[in-house]
Amino acid sequence: MDILLSEFKSQCSRLIHRVETLGITVDIIRDGKIVARLSPVAPAAIKENDGTKPWTHLRGTGHYLAGPDESVITEKEFEVYQ
């Protein structure tokens, strides 16, 4: 979402709430150029000291690179890692 600096000034609280709740990023524009970006804090930074392992915050963020009948590593690599 792009917004002019003058509009951002008058809608700052509402925009911060939208960024926080919807996870959108707001680019702030002055003289036709992006001068600042308001973006949500990464989930790992929010849950920094809640006692869970850091890598658990990555759950659900990845993508499979192999199809159902494919492997992401070769047979030789598999043997090395055993």
N, C-alpha and C. Protein backbone atom coordinates (compact mmCIF):
# COMPACT_ATOMS: atom_id res chain seq x y z
N MET A 1 0.84 -1.17 0.00
CA MET A 1 0.00 0.00 0.00
C MET A 1 0.89 1.23 0.00
N ASP A 2 0.59 2.19 -0.85
CA ASP A 2 1.33 3.44 -0.90
C ASP A 2 0.46 4.56 -0.34
N ILE A 3 1.10 5.51 0.36
CA ILE A 3 0.36 6.65 0.90
C ILE A 3 1.28 7.87 0.89
N LEU A 4 0.70 9.01 0.59
CA LEU A 4 1.47 10.25 0.62
C LEU A 4 1.77 10.62 2.06
N LEU A 5 2.91 11.27 2.27
CA LEU A 5 3.33 11.66 3.61
C LEU A 5 2.26 12.50 4.31
N SER A 6 1.64 13.42 3.59
CA SER A 6 0.61 14.28 4.19
C SER A 6 -0.58 13.45 4.67
N GLU A 7 -0.96 12.43 3.92
CA GLU A 7 -2.05 11.55 4.34
C GLU A 7 -1.63 10.67 5.51
N PHE A 8 -0.38 10.21 5.47
CA PHE A 8 0.12 9.36 6.55
C PHE A 8 0.06 10.09 7.89
N LYS A 9 0.41 11.37 7.88
CA LYS A 9 0.40 12.15 9.12
C LYS A 9 -0.99 12.15 9.76
N SER A 10 -2.02 12.30 8.95
CA SER A 10 -3.37 12.38 9.50
C SER A 10 -3.96 11.01 9.82
N GLN A 11 -3.40 9.93 9.26
CA GLN A 11 -3.96 8.60 9.44
C GLN A 11 -2.99 7.64 10.13
N CYS A 12 -1.98 8.17 10.77
CA CYS A 12 -0.90 7.36 11.33
C CYS A 12 -1.41 6.23 12.23
N SER A 13 -2.22 6.53 13.23
CA SER A 13 -2.70 5.50 14.16
C SER A 13 -3.47 4.40 13.44
N ARG A 14 -4.35 4.79 12.54
CA ARG A 14 -5.16 3.81 11.79
C ARG A 14 -4.26 2.92 10.94
N LEU A 15 -3.27 3.49 10.29
CA LEU A 15 -2.37 2.72 9.44
C LEU A 15 -1.51 1.76 10.26
N ILE A 16 -1.02 2.21 11.40
CA ILE A 16 -0.23 1.32 12.26
C ILE A 16 -1.09 0.15 12.72
N HIS A 17 -2.35 0.41 13.04
CA HIS A 17 -3.25 -0.67 13.44
C HIS A 17 -3.45 -1.67 12.30
N ARG A 18 -3.60 -1.19 11.07
CA ARG A 18 -3.77 -2.07 9.91
C ARG A 18 -2.52 -2.91 9.66
N VAL A 19 -1.36 -2.29 9.80
CA VAL A 19 -0.09 -3.02 9.63
C VAL A 19 -0.01 -4.13 10.67
N GLU A 20 -0.34 -3.79 11.90
CA GLU A 20 -0.26 -4.75 13.01
C GLU A 20 -1.26 -5.89 12.85
N THR A 21 -2.49 -5.60 12.49
CA THR A 21 -3.53 -6.63 12.43
C THR A 21 -3.59 -7.39 11.11
N LEU A 22 -3.35 -6.69 10.00
CA LEU A 22 -3.46 -7.32 8.68
C LEU A 22 -2.13 -7.77 8.12
N GLY A 23 -1.03 -7.27 8.68
CA GLY A 23 0.29 -7.65 8.20
C GLY A 23 0.69 -6.98 6.90
N ILE A 24 0.02 -5.88 6.55
CA ILE A 24 0.36 -5.19 5.30
C ILE A 24 1.59 -4.32 5.49
N THR A 25 2.20 -3.92 4.39
CA THR A 25 3.32 -2.98 4.41
C THR A 25 2.85 -1.69 3.76
N VAL A 26 3.23 -0.57 4.36
CA VAL A 26 2.84 0.74 3.84
C VAL A 26 4.09 1.49 3.42
N ASP A 27 4.14 1.89 2.15
CA ASP A 27 5.22 2.72 1.65
C ASP A 27 4.78 4.17 1.73
N ILE A 28 5.60 5.01 2.37
CA ILE A 28 5.28 6.42 2.56
C ILE A 28 6.02 7.22 1.48
N ILE A 29 5.26 8.03 0.74
CA ILE A 29 5.79 8.71 -0.45
C ILE A 29 5.83 10.22 -0.24
N ARG A 30 6.96 10.82 -0.62
CA ARG A 30 7.11 12.28 -0.63
C ARG A 30 7.76 12.66 -1.95
N ASP A 31 7.20 13.61 -2.62
CA ASP A 31 7.71 14.07 -3.92
C ASP A 31 7.86 12.93 -4.92
N GLY A 32 6.92 11.99 -4.89
CA GLY A 32 6.92 10.89 -5.84
C GLY A 32 7.89 9.77 -5.55
N LYS A 33 8.59 9.82 -4.42
CA LYS A 33 9.57 8.79 -4.08
C LYS A 33 9.23 8.17 -2.73
N ILE A 34 9.50 6.88 -2.60
CA ILE A 34 9.32 6.21 -1.32
C ILE A 34 10.42 6.68 -0.38
N VAL A 35 10.01 7.25 0.76
CA VAL A 35 10.98 7.76 1.72
C VAL A 35 11.03 6.92 3.00
N ALA A 36 9.99 6.11 3.22
CA ALA A 36 9.96 5.25 4.41
C ALA A 36 9.00 4.09 4.15
N ARG A 37 9.19 3.05 4.92
CA ARG A 37 8.34 1.86 4.79
C ARG A 37 7.93 1.40 6.19
N LEU A 38 6.64 1.24 6.40
CA LEU A 38 6.10 0.75 7.66
C LEU A 38 5.68 -0.69 7.42
N SER A 39 6.33 -1.62 8.13
CA SER A 39 6.03 -3.03 7.91
C SER A 39 5.87 -3.75 9.25
N PRO A 40 5.14 -4.88 9.25
CA PRO A 40 4.93 -5.60 10.51
C PRO A 40 6.22 -6.21 11.03
N VAL A 41 6.27 -6.38 12.32
CA VAL A 41 7.42 -7.01 12.96
C VAL A 41 7.33 -8.51 12.68
N ALA A 42 8.48 -9.13 12.42
CA ALA A 42 8.53 -10.57 12.16
C ALA A 42 8.04 -11.34 13.40
N PRO A 43 7.27 -12.41 13.21
CA PRO A 43 6.77 -13.19 14.34
C PRO A 43 7.86 -13.64 15.30
N ALA A 44 9.04 -13.98 14.80
CA ALA A 44 10.12 -14.43 15.68
C ALA A 44 10.55 -13.31 16.62
N ALA A 45 10.51 -12.07 16.16
CA ALA A 45 10.89 -10.96 17.01
C ALA A 45 9.84 -10.69 18.09
N ILE A 46 8.59 -10.95 17.78
CA ILE A 46 7.52 -10.73 18.74
C ILE A 46 7.59 -11.75 19.87
N LYS A 47 7.85 -13.00 19.54
CA LYS A 47 7.83 -14.08 20.51
C LYS A 47 9.24 -14.43 21.00
N GLU A 48 10.06 -13.46 21.08
CA GLU A 48 11.47 -13.65 21.36
C GLU A 48 11.75 -14.46 22.64
N ASN A 49 11.09 -14.15 23.74
CA ASN A 49 11.41 -14.77 25.02
C ASN A 49 10.24 -15.58 25.58
N ASP A 50 9.50 -16.26 24.75
CA ASP A 50 8.35 -17.01 25.26
C ASP A 50 8.69 -18.46 25.60
N GLY A 51 9.96 -18.83 25.56
CA GLY A 51 10.38 -20.17 25.98
C GLY A 51 10.39 -21.21 24.87
N THR A 52 9.90 -20.89 23.68
CA THR A 52 9.92 -21.85 22.58
C THR A 52 11.26 -21.75 21.86
N LYS A 53 11.58 -22.80 21.14
CA LYS A 53 12.82 -22.81 20.36
C LYS A 53 12.68 -21.85 19.18
N PRO A 54 13.74 -21.15 18.82
CA PRO A 54 13.66 -20.14 17.76
C PRO A 54 13.16 -20.67 16.42
N TRP A 55 13.52 -21.90 16.08
CA TRP A 55 13.14 -22.43 14.77
C TRP A 55 11.65 -22.78 14.70
N THR A 56 10.97 -22.91 15.82
CA THR A 56 9.53 -23.22 15.77
C THR A 56 8.73 -22.06 15.20
N HIS A 57 9.27 -20.85 15.24
CA HIS A 57 8.58 -19.69 14.68
C HIS A 57 8.57 -19.72 13.15
N LEU A 58 9.37 -20.62 12.56
CA LEU A 58 9.42 -20.73 11.10
C LEU A 58 8.36 -21.67 10.54
N ARG A 59 7.67 -22.40 11.42
CA ARG A 59 6.65 -23.35 10.96
C ARG A 59 5.61 -22.66 10.09
N GLY A 60 5.32 -23.30 8.97
CA GLY A 60 4.31 -22.77 8.07
C GLY A 60 4.80 -21.69 7.14
N THR A 61 6.08 -21.36 7.16
CA THR A 61 6.58 -20.29 6.31
C THR A 61 7.35 -20.80 5.09
N GLY A 62 7.63 -22.09 5.03
CA GLY A 62 8.43 -22.64 3.94
C GLY A 62 7.59 -23.17 2.79
N HIS A 63 8.27 -23.56 1.75
CA HIS A 63 7.62 -24.12 0.56
C HIS A 63 8.38 -25.36 0.15
N TYR A 64 7.65 -26.39 -0.28
CA TYR A 64 8.28 -27.61 -0.77
C TYR A 64 8.87 -27.36 -2.15
N LEU A 65 10.08 -27.84 -2.36
CA LEU A 65 10.73 -27.67 -3.65
C LEU A 65 10.63 -28.93 -4.50
N ALA A 66 10.15 -30.01 -3.93
CA ALA A 66 10.05 -31.28 -4.65
C ALA A 66 8.59 -31.69 -4.77
N GLY A 67 8.30 -32.42 -5.84
CA GLY A 67 6.97 -32.96 -6.02
C GLY A 67 6.77 -34.21 -5.17
N PRO A 68 5.58 -34.80 -5.21
CA PRO A 68 5.29 -35.97 -4.38
C PRO A 68 6.23 -37.16 -4.61
N ASP A 69 6.71 -37.33 -5.83
CA ASP A 69 7.59 -38.46 -6.14
C ASP A 69 9.05 -38.05 -6.27
N GLU A 70 9.40 -36.85 -5.81
CA GLU A 70 10.76 -36.35 -5.93
C GLU A 70 11.39 -36.18 -4.55
N SER A 71 12.70 -36.10 -4.53
CA SER A 71 13.43 -35.85 -3.30
C SER A 71 14.20 -34.55 -3.43
N VAL A 72 14.40 -33.86 -2.33
CA VAL A 72 15.16 -32.62 -2.37
C VAL A 72 16.65 -32.87 -2.25
N ILE A 73 17.05 -34.12 -1.94
CA ILE A 73 18.46 -34.49 -1.90
C ILE A 73 18.68 -35.72 -2.76
N THR A 74 19.91 -35.91 -3.20
CA THR A 74 20.23 -37.07 -4.02
C THR A 74 20.37 -38.30 -3.13
N GLU A 75 20.38 -39.47 -3.76
CA GLU A 75 20.55 -40.72 -3.01
C GLU A 75 21.91 -40.76 -2.30
N LYS A 76 22.94 -40.24 -2.97
CA LYS A 76 24.26 -40.18 -2.37
C LYS A 76 24.28 -39.28 -1.14
N GLU A 77 23.64 -38.11 -1.22
CA GLU A 77 23.56 -37.22 -0.07
C GLU A 77 22.81 -37.88 1.09
N PHE A 78 21.78 -38.63 0.76
CA PHE A 78 21.02 -39.34 1.78
C PHE A 78 21.90 -40.33 2.53
N GLU A 79 22.72 -41.05 1.81
CA GLU A 79 23.61 -42.03 2.42
C GLU A 79 24.64 -41.34 3.33
N VAL A 80 25.13 -40.18 2.92
CA VAL A 80 26.11 -39.44 3.72
C VAL A 80 25.51 -38.99 5.04
N TYR A 81 24.25 -38.57 5.01
CA TYR A 81 23.61 -38.02 6.22
C TYR A 81 23.12 -39.09 7.18
N GLN A 82 23.17 -40.37 6.79
CA GLN A 82 22.69 -41.44 7.68
C GLN A 82 23.66 -41.70 8.79
